[in-house]
Amino acid sequence: MAFGGFEQGSSQPMSEINVTPLVDVMLVLLIIFMVCAPLMTQSITVNLPKAVGASTQEKPETVSLAINAEGAITWNGEAVVDEVLVQYLKGLAAKQPQPELHLVADKEVRYERVAQVMAQVREAGVTKMGFVMLPGAASAAVVPAAQ
C-alpha cells in the first residue's frame, strides 16, 4: 500500500521512479563544483627548502651459480669444482653488503645435486640467494658443461 498512489481503487504498486531527489542532489553538486572550480585554478607559490640527501646505496653485485644437466657447476661462467665452490661461497658471505647469489639449475639435473649445492651455500653463510627460472630448454644452452 505504501508504494501505491492516493487512489482508493488502485491495488497495483507505482511503476515510475521518482527522480526528484536525484535531480536535487545533482543540482547541489553542480553548484558546489561551480563555486570550487575557480579556486582550483589559482596557484600559491611556496618556497620549499632544498633537500640535500646522501647518495643512494648502490645495489650489490650479483653472482650467477649454474648447475648443468650433468651436475657440473659454473661460477659466473667459469667451471669450478666443489672444493673451490666452498671457498668462493665463504668469500661471498664475508663481503658487505653481501652480493646476491642467483642459482640457475638445468631442468634435467637431479634434485639431489641442487640440494647439495644449496646446503653448501647455507653452510658458507650466504643469506641472499634466489632461483632463476629459464623458459623451456634454454637453460641447457646457457650453462656450459665442465670439461
N, C-alpha and C. Protein backbone atom coordinates (compact mmCIF):
# COMPACT_ATOMS: atom_id res chain seq x y z
N MET A 1 0.80 -1.19 0.00
CA MET A 1 0.00 0.00 0.00
C MET A 1 0.85 1.26 0.00
N ALA A 2 2.02 1.18 0.60
CA ALA A 2 2.86 2.37 0.69
C ALA A 2 3.40 2.78 -0.66
N PHE A 3 3.48 1.86 -1.59
CA PHE A 3 4.02 2.17 -2.91
C PHE A 3 2.95 2.64 -3.88
N GLY A 4 1.74 2.52 -3.51
CA GLY A 4 0.64 2.89 -4.40
C GLY A 4 0.35 4.39 -4.35
N GLY A 5 -0.56 4.78 -5.17
CA GLY A 5 -0.95 6.19 -5.21
C GLY A 5 -2.01 6.48 -4.15
N PHE A 6 -2.65 7.64 -4.25
CA PHE A 6 -3.68 8.04 -3.30
C PHE A 6 -5.05 7.58 -3.74
N GLU A 7 -5.11 6.92 -4.86
CA GLU A 7 -6.39 6.47 -5.38
C GLU A 7 -6.86 5.28 -4.57
N GLN A 8 -8.12 5.23 -4.25
CA GLN A 8 -8.68 4.17 -3.43
C GLN A 8 -8.84 2.87 -4.21
N GLY A 9 -9.13 2.92 -5.47
CA GLY A 9 -9.41 1.72 -6.24
C GLY A 9 -8.17 1.06 -6.80
N SER A 10 -7.00 1.65 -6.69
CA SER A 10 -5.78 1.11 -7.29
C SER A 10 -5.07 0.18 -6.32
N SER A 11 -4.90 -1.09 -6.69
CA SER A 11 -4.18 -2.03 -5.83
C SER A 11 -2.81 -2.37 -6.40
N GLN A 12 -2.43 -1.81 -7.54
CA GLN A 12 -1.14 -2.06 -8.17
C GLN A 12 -0.08 -1.08 -7.63
N PRO A 13 1.18 -1.54 -7.42
CA PRO A 13 2.23 -0.59 -6.98
C PRO A 13 2.59 0.37 -8.11
N MET A 14 3.13 1.53 -7.73
CA MET A 14 3.52 2.54 -8.71
C MET A 14 4.77 2.07 -9.43
N SER A 15 4.81 2.13 -10.75
CA SER A 15 5.94 1.61 -11.52
C SER A 15 6.90 2.70 -11.97
N GLU A 16 6.62 3.97 -11.76
CA GLU A 16 7.52 5.04 -12.16
C GLU A 16 8.53 5.30 -11.05
N ILE A 17 9.74 5.69 -11.46
CA ILE A 17 10.79 6.02 -10.49
C ILE A 17 10.71 7.51 -10.21
N ASN A 18 10.79 7.86 -8.93
CA ASN A 18 10.77 9.27 -8.54
C ASN A 18 12.19 9.81 -8.64
N VAL A 19 12.47 10.66 -9.62
CA VAL A 19 13.81 11.19 -9.86
C VAL A 19 14.04 12.54 -9.21
N THR A 20 13.07 13.06 -8.51
CA THR A 20 13.22 14.38 -7.89
C THR A 20 14.39 14.43 -6.91
N PRO A 21 14.57 13.45 -6.00
CA PRO A 21 15.74 13.52 -5.10
C PRO A 21 17.06 13.46 -5.86
N LEU A 22 17.11 12.69 -6.94
CA LEU A 22 18.33 12.60 -7.75
C LEU A 22 18.66 13.94 -8.39
N VAL A 23 17.66 14.61 -8.92
CA VAL A 23 17.87 15.92 -9.54
C VAL A 23 18.31 16.93 -8.49
N ASP A 24 17.74 16.87 -7.31
CA ASP A 24 18.13 17.80 -6.24
C ASP A 24 19.60 17.62 -5.86
N VAL A 25 20.02 16.39 -5.70
CA VAL A 25 21.41 16.12 -5.33
C VAL A 25 22.36 16.56 -6.44
N MET A 26 22.00 16.29 -7.68
CA MET A 26 22.85 16.69 -8.80
C MET A 26 22.98 18.20 -8.91
N LEU A 27 21.91 18.93 -8.66
CA LEU A 27 21.97 20.40 -8.72
C LEU A 27 22.85 20.94 -7.59
N VAL A 28 22.77 20.36 -6.41
CA VAL A 28 23.61 20.81 -5.30
C VAL A 28 25.08 20.55 -5.64
N LEU A 29 25.40 19.37 -6.19
CA LEU A 29 26.78 19.08 -6.57
C LEU A 29 27.27 20.01 -7.68
N LEU A 30 26.41 20.32 -8.62
CA LEU A 30 26.77 21.24 -9.70
C LEU A 30 27.13 22.61 -9.14
N ILE A 31 26.35 23.11 -8.20
CA ILE A 31 26.63 24.42 -7.59
C ILE A 31 27.95 24.37 -6.82
N ILE A 32 28.19 23.28 -6.09
CA ILE A 32 29.44 23.16 -5.33
C ILE A 32 30.64 23.17 -6.27
N PHE A 33 30.57 22.42 -7.38
CA PHE A 33 31.68 22.39 -8.33
C PHE A 33 31.87 23.73 -9.03
N MET A 34 30.78 24.43 -9.29
CA MET A 34 30.90 25.74 -9.94
C MET A 34 31.58 26.75 -9.01
N VAL A 35 31.34 26.63 -7.72
CA VAL A 35 31.97 27.55 -6.77
C VAL A 35 33.44 27.16 -6.55
N CYS A 36 33.74 25.88 -6.50
CA CYS A 36 35.11 25.43 -6.21
C CYS A 36 36.03 25.47 -7.41
N ALA A 37 35.54 25.38 -8.61
CA ALA A 37 36.39 25.32 -9.80
C ALA A 37 37.28 26.54 -9.96
N PRO A 38 36.79 27.75 -9.78
CA PRO A 38 37.71 28.90 -9.92
C PRO A 38 38.81 28.92 -8.86
N LEU A 39 38.55 28.37 -7.70
CA LEU A 39 39.57 28.36 -6.64
C LEU A 39 40.72 27.41 -6.98
N MET A 40 40.45 26.39 -7.77
CA MET A 40 41.48 25.41 -8.11
C MET A 40 42.43 25.92 -9.18
N THR A 41 42.07 26.95 -9.92
CA THR A 41 42.95 27.45 -10.97
C THR A 41 43.99 28.42 -10.43
N GLN A 42 43.77 28.97 -9.27
CA GLN A 42 44.74 29.89 -8.68
C GLN A 42 45.85 29.09 -8.02
N SER A 43 47.06 29.57 -8.19
CA SER A 43 48.19 28.86 -7.59
C SER A 43 48.80 29.71 -6.49
N ILE A 44 49.34 29.03 -5.53
CA ILE A 44 50.02 29.67 -4.41
C ILE A 44 51.48 29.29 -4.50
N THR A 45 52.37 30.27 -4.50
CA THR A 45 53.79 29.98 -4.55
C THR A 45 54.28 29.64 -3.15
N VAL A 46 55.00 28.56 -3.06
CA VAL A 46 55.54 28.11 -1.78
C VAL A 46 57.03 27.94 -1.95
N ASN A 47 57.79 28.51 -1.05
CA ASN A 47 59.24 28.36 -1.07
C ASN A 47 59.61 27.14 -0.25
N LEU A 48 59.92 26.06 -0.93
CA LEU A 48 60.29 24.84 -0.26
C LEU A 48 61.80 24.79 -0.06
N PRO A 49 62.26 24.22 1.04
CA PRO A 49 63.70 24.12 1.25
C PRO A 49 64.31 23.10 0.29
N LYS A 50 65.54 23.33 -0.06
CA LYS A 50 66.27 22.42 -0.93
C LYS A 50 66.80 21.26 -0.07
N ALA A 51 66.45 20.07 -0.46
CA ALA A 51 66.88 18.90 0.30
C ALA A 51 68.20 18.38 -0.24
N VAL A 52 69.12 18.14 0.66
CA VAL A 52 70.40 17.56 0.29
C VAL A 52 70.48 16.21 0.99
N GLY A 53 70.37 15.15 0.21
CA GLY A 53 70.38 13.81 0.81
C GLY A 53 71.64 13.08 0.48
N ALA A 54 71.85 12.03 1.22
CA ALA A 54 73.01 11.18 0.97
C ALA A 54 72.78 10.42 -0.33
N SER A 55 73.85 10.07 -0.97
CA SER A 55 73.73 9.32 -2.21
C SER A 55 73.11 7.96 -1.92
N THR A 56 72.33 7.48 -2.86
CA THR A 56 71.69 6.19 -2.67
C THR A 56 72.72 5.09 -2.71
N GLN A 57 72.47 4.10 -1.90
CA GLN A 57 73.40 2.98 -1.83
C GLN A 57 73.32 2.18 -3.11
N GLU A 58 74.46 1.84 -3.67
CA GLU A 58 74.49 1.08 -4.90
C GLU A 58 74.02 -0.35 -4.63
N LYS A 59 73.33 -0.90 -5.60
CA LYS A 59 72.85 -2.27 -5.47
C LYS A 59 74.05 -3.21 -5.53
N PRO A 60 74.09 -4.18 -4.63
CA PRO A 60 75.24 -5.09 -4.64
C PRO A 60 75.27 -5.91 -5.92
N GLU A 61 76.45 -6.39 -6.22
CA GLU A 61 76.63 -7.18 -7.43
C GLU A 61 75.86 -8.49 -7.32
N THR A 62 75.68 -9.15 -8.44
CA THR A 62 75.03 -10.46 -8.44
C THR A 62 76.02 -11.49 -8.95
N VAL A 63 75.95 -12.67 -8.38
CA VAL A 63 76.81 -13.78 -8.77
C VAL A 63 75.92 -14.89 -9.30
N SER A 64 76.26 -15.42 -10.46
CA SER A 64 75.49 -16.50 -11.06
C SER A 64 76.16 -17.83 -10.76
N LEU A 65 75.41 -18.71 -10.13
CA LEU A 65 75.87 -20.06 -9.82
C LEU A 65 74.99 -21.01 -10.62
N ALA A 66 75.55 -21.69 -11.60
CA ALA A 66 74.76 -22.52 -12.51
C ALA A 66 75.15 -23.98 -12.38
N ILE A 67 74.13 -24.85 -12.52
CA ILE A 67 74.35 -26.30 -12.49
C ILE A 67 73.78 -26.85 -13.79
N ASN A 68 74.63 -27.53 -14.57
CA ASN A 68 74.13 -28.06 -15.84
C ASN A 68 73.53 -29.45 -15.64
N ALA A 69 73.10 -30.09 -16.72
CA ALA A 69 72.40 -31.37 -16.64
C ALA A 69 73.26 -32.48 -16.06
N GLU A 70 74.57 -32.40 -16.25
CA GLU A 70 75.47 -33.43 -15.71
C GLU A 70 75.84 -33.17 -14.26
N GLY A 71 75.46 -32.03 -13.70
CA GLY A 71 75.76 -31.71 -12.31
C GLY A 71 77.00 -30.86 -12.15
N ALA A 72 77.62 -30.43 -13.26
CA ALA A 72 78.81 -29.57 -13.18
C ALA A 72 78.38 -28.16 -12.80
N ILE A 73 79.24 -27.47 -12.07
CA ILE A 73 78.93 -26.15 -11.53
C ILE A 73 79.77 -25.09 -12.22
N THR A 74 79.14 -23.96 -12.52
CA THR A 74 79.88 -22.80 -13.04
C THR A 74 79.60 -21.61 -12.14
N TRP A 75 80.64 -20.83 -11.90
CA TRP A 75 80.57 -19.62 -11.07
C TRP A 75 80.81 -18.44 -12.00
N ASN A 76 79.78 -17.69 -12.32
CA ASN A 76 79.84 -16.57 -13.27
C ASN A 76 80.45 -17.03 -14.60
N GLY A 77 80.05 -18.20 -15.08
CA GLY A 77 80.51 -18.71 -16.36
C GLY A 77 81.81 -19.48 -16.31
N GLU A 78 82.46 -19.56 -15.15
CA GLU A 78 83.73 -20.27 -15.00
C GLU A 78 83.48 -21.59 -14.29
N ALA A 79 83.92 -22.70 -14.89
CA ALA A 79 83.70 -24.02 -14.30
C ALA A 79 84.51 -24.15 -13.01
N VAL A 80 83.86 -24.67 -11.95
CA VAL A 80 84.52 -24.86 -10.66
C VAL A 80 84.15 -26.23 -10.11
N VAL A 81 85.00 -26.72 -9.21
CA VAL A 81 84.71 -27.97 -8.50
C VAL A 81 84.19 -27.62 -7.11
N ASP A 82 83.68 -28.61 -6.39
CA ASP A 82 83.02 -28.35 -5.11
C ASP A 82 83.96 -27.70 -4.08
N GLU A 83 85.23 -28.09 -4.05
CA GLU A 83 86.15 -27.53 -3.06
C GLU A 83 86.37 -26.04 -3.31
N VAL A 84 86.52 -25.68 -4.57
CA VAL A 84 86.70 -24.26 -4.91
C VAL A 84 85.41 -23.49 -4.69
N LEU A 85 84.27 -24.15 -4.94
CA LEU A 85 82.98 -23.50 -4.72
C LEU A 85 82.80 -23.09 -3.27
N VAL A 86 83.22 -23.95 -2.35
CA VAL A 86 83.10 -23.62 -0.93
C VAL A 86 83.92 -22.38 -0.60
N GLN A 87 85.12 -22.27 -1.15
CA GLN A 87 85.95 -21.09 -0.91
C GLN A 87 85.30 -19.83 -1.49
N TYR A 88 84.75 -19.95 -2.71
CA TYR A 88 84.07 -18.81 -3.32
C TYR A 88 82.86 -18.37 -2.48
N LEU A 89 82.11 -19.34 -1.98
CA LEU A 89 80.92 -19.03 -1.19
C LEU A 89 81.29 -18.35 0.13
N LYS A 90 82.38 -18.81 0.77
CA LYS A 90 82.81 -18.17 2.02
C LYS A 90 83.28 -16.74 1.77
N GLY A 91 83.97 -16.54 0.65
CA GLY A 91 84.37 -15.17 0.30
C GLY A 91 83.17 -14.29 0.00
N LEU A 92 82.15 -14.86 -0.62
CA LEU A 92 80.93 -14.12 -0.93
C LEU A 92 80.18 -13.75 0.35
N ALA A 93 80.14 -14.67 1.30
CA ALA A 93 79.44 -14.42 2.56
C ALA A 93 80.14 -13.35 3.41
N ALA A 94 81.45 -13.19 3.23
CA ALA A 94 82.21 -12.23 4.02
C ALA A 94 82.06 -10.79 3.52
N LYS A 95 81.62 -10.62 2.28
CA LYS A 95 81.51 -9.26 1.71
C LYS A 95 80.36 -8.50 2.35
N GLN A 96 80.54 -7.19 2.46
CA GLN A 96 79.49 -6.30 2.97
C GLN A 96 79.28 -5.17 1.98
N PRO A 97 78.14 -4.93 1.43
CA PRO A 97 76.94 -5.74 1.56
C PRO A 97 77.09 -7.02 0.76
N GLN A 98 76.39 -8.01 1.21
CA GLN A 98 76.53 -9.33 0.60
C GLN A 98 75.89 -9.36 -0.79
N PRO A 99 76.64 -9.77 -1.80
CA PRO A 99 76.06 -9.86 -3.15
C PRO A 99 74.95 -10.92 -3.21
N GLU A 100 74.08 -10.76 -4.19
CA GLU A 100 73.01 -11.73 -4.38
C GLU A 100 73.54 -12.91 -5.18
N LEU A 101 73.16 -14.11 -4.77
CA LEU A 101 73.56 -15.32 -5.46
C LEU A 101 72.36 -15.83 -6.25
N HIS A 102 72.51 -15.93 -7.57
CA HIS A 102 71.44 -16.43 -8.43
C HIS A 102 71.77 -17.86 -8.82
N LEU A 103 70.91 -18.78 -8.42
CA LEU A 103 71.11 -20.19 -8.70
C LEU A 103 70.30 -20.58 -9.94
N VAL A 104 71.01 -21.02 -10.98
CA VAL A 104 70.39 -21.45 -12.23
C VAL A 104 70.65 -22.94 -12.37
N ALA A 105 69.58 -23.74 -12.34
CA ALA A 105 69.73 -25.19 -12.45
C ALA A 105 69.05 -25.66 -13.73
N ASP A 106 69.72 -26.54 -14.46
CA ASP A 106 69.15 -27.12 -15.66
C ASP A 106 67.94 -27.98 -15.26
N LYS A 107 66.97 -28.06 -16.15
CA LYS A 107 65.77 -28.83 -15.81
C LYS A 107 66.04 -30.33 -15.77
N GLU A 108 67.13 -30.78 -16.35
CA GLU A 108 67.46 -32.21 -16.37
C GLU A 108 68.35 -32.62 -15.20
N VAL A 109 68.84 -31.69 -14.40
CA VAL A 109 69.75 -32.03 -13.30
C VAL A 109 68.95 -32.71 -12.18
N ARG A 110 69.61 -33.64 -11.49
CA ARG A 110 68.96 -34.33 -10.37
C ARG A 110 68.78 -33.34 -9.21
N TYR A 111 67.65 -33.46 -8.54
CA TYR A 111 67.38 -32.56 -7.42
C TYR A 111 68.39 -32.77 -6.29
N GLU A 112 68.91 -33.97 -6.17
CA GLU A 112 69.92 -34.26 -5.13
C GLU A 112 71.13 -33.33 -5.29
N ARG A 113 71.55 -33.11 -6.52
CA ARG A 113 72.71 -32.25 -6.77
C ARG A 113 72.39 -30.80 -6.41
N VAL A 114 71.19 -30.35 -6.75
CA VAL A 114 70.78 -28.98 -6.40
C VAL A 114 70.73 -28.83 -4.88
N ALA A 115 70.22 -29.85 -4.18
CA ALA A 115 70.15 -29.80 -2.71
C ALA A 115 71.54 -29.76 -2.10
N GLN A 116 72.50 -30.48 -2.69
CA GLN A 116 73.88 -30.45 -2.18
C GLN A 116 74.47 -29.05 -2.30
N VAL A 117 74.26 -28.42 -3.45
CA VAL A 117 74.79 -27.07 -3.67
C VAL A 117 74.11 -26.09 -2.71
N MET A 118 72.81 -26.22 -2.54
CA MET A 118 72.10 -25.32 -1.62
C MET A 118 72.59 -25.50 -0.18
N ALA A 119 72.92 -26.72 0.21
CA ALA A 119 73.47 -26.96 1.55
C ALA A 119 74.84 -26.29 1.70
N GLN A 120 75.66 -26.36 0.64
CA GLN A 120 76.96 -25.68 0.69
C GLN A 120 76.78 -24.17 0.81
N VAL A 121 75.80 -23.63 0.13
CA VAL A 121 75.53 -22.18 0.20
C VAL A 121 75.13 -21.80 1.61
N ARG A 122 74.24 -22.58 2.22
CA ARG A 122 73.78 -22.28 3.57
C ARG A 122 74.91 -22.41 4.58
N GLU A 123 75.73 -23.46 4.46
CA GLU A 123 76.84 -23.67 5.40
C GLU A 123 77.88 -22.56 5.29
N ALA A 124 78.04 -21.98 4.10
CA ALA A 124 79.02 -20.91 3.92
C ALA A 124 78.54 -19.60 4.54
N GLY A 125 77.24 -19.48 4.80
CA GLY A 125 76.71 -18.27 5.42
C GLY A 125 76.13 -17.27 4.45
N VAL A 126 75.87 -17.67 3.23
CA VAL A 126 75.26 -16.77 2.24
C VAL A 126 73.78 -16.65 2.57
N THR A 127 73.30 -15.43 2.71
CA THR A 127 71.90 -15.21 3.10
C THR A 127 71.02 -14.74 1.95
N LYS A 128 71.60 -14.22 0.88
CA LYS A 128 70.81 -13.71 -0.24
C LYS A 128 70.97 -14.64 -1.43
N MET A 129 70.01 -15.56 -1.59
CA MET A 129 70.06 -16.48 -2.70
C MET A 129 68.70 -16.53 -3.37
N GLY A 130 68.71 -16.51 -4.69
CA GLY A 130 67.47 -16.59 -5.44
C GLY A 130 67.60 -17.62 -6.54
N PHE A 131 66.45 -18.13 -6.99
CA PHE A 131 66.42 -19.12 -8.06
C PHE A 131 66.04 -18.44 -9.36
N VAL A 132 66.76 -18.76 -10.42
CA VAL A 132 66.48 -18.19 -11.73
C VAL A 132 65.84 -19.29 -12.56
N MET A 133 64.64 -18.98 -13.08
CA MET A 133 63.92 -19.94 -13.91
C MET A 133 64.03 -19.50 -15.35
N LEU A 134 64.49 -20.37 -16.21
CA LEU A 134 64.61 -20.07 -17.62
C LEU A 134 63.52 -20.81 -18.38
N PRO A 135 62.91 -20.19 -19.37
CA PRO A 135 61.82 -20.84 -20.10
C PRO A 135 62.32 -21.98 -20.98
N GLY A 136 61.57 -23.06 -20.98
CA GLY A 136 61.84 -24.18 -21.89
C GLY A 136 63.19 -24.83 -21.69
N ALA A 137 63.77 -25.25 -22.79
CA ALA A 137 65.06 -25.94 -22.76
C ALA A 137 66.22 -24.98 -22.90
N ALA A 138 65.98 -23.68 -22.76
CA ALA A 138 67.04 -22.70 -22.93
C ALA A 138 68.09 -22.80 -21.82
N SER A 139 67.71 -23.39 -20.68
CA SER A 139 68.66 -23.46 -19.57
C SER A 139 69.85 -24.35 -19.92
N ALA A 140 69.65 -25.36 -20.75
CA ALA A 140 70.75 -26.23 -21.11
C ALA A 140 71.76 -25.49 -21.98
N ALA A 141 71.29 -24.54 -22.77
CA ALA A 141 72.20 -23.80 -23.64
C ALA A 141 72.97 -22.73 -22.88
N VAL A 142 72.42 -22.24 -21.76
CA VAL A 142 73.06 -21.16 -21.01
C VAL A 142 74.19 -21.69 -20.16
N VAL A 143 74.04 -22.89 -19.60
CA VAL A 143 75.02 -23.44 -18.67
C VAL A 143 75.96 -24.36 -19.43
N PRO A 144 77.24 -24.00 -19.59
CA PRO A 144 78.16 -24.85 -20.32
C PRO A 144 78.59 -26.04 -19.45
N ALA A 145 78.91 -27.12 -20.08
CA ALA A 145 79.38 -28.31 -19.36
C ALA A 145 80.83 -28.12 -18.92
N ALA A 146 81.16 -28.64 -17.74
CA ALA A 146 82.54 -28.55 -17.24
C ALA A 146 83.40 -29.56 -17.97
N GLN A 147 84.55 -29.14 -18.40
CA GLN A 147 85.45 -30.04 -19.15
C GLN A 147 86.45 -30.66 -18.23
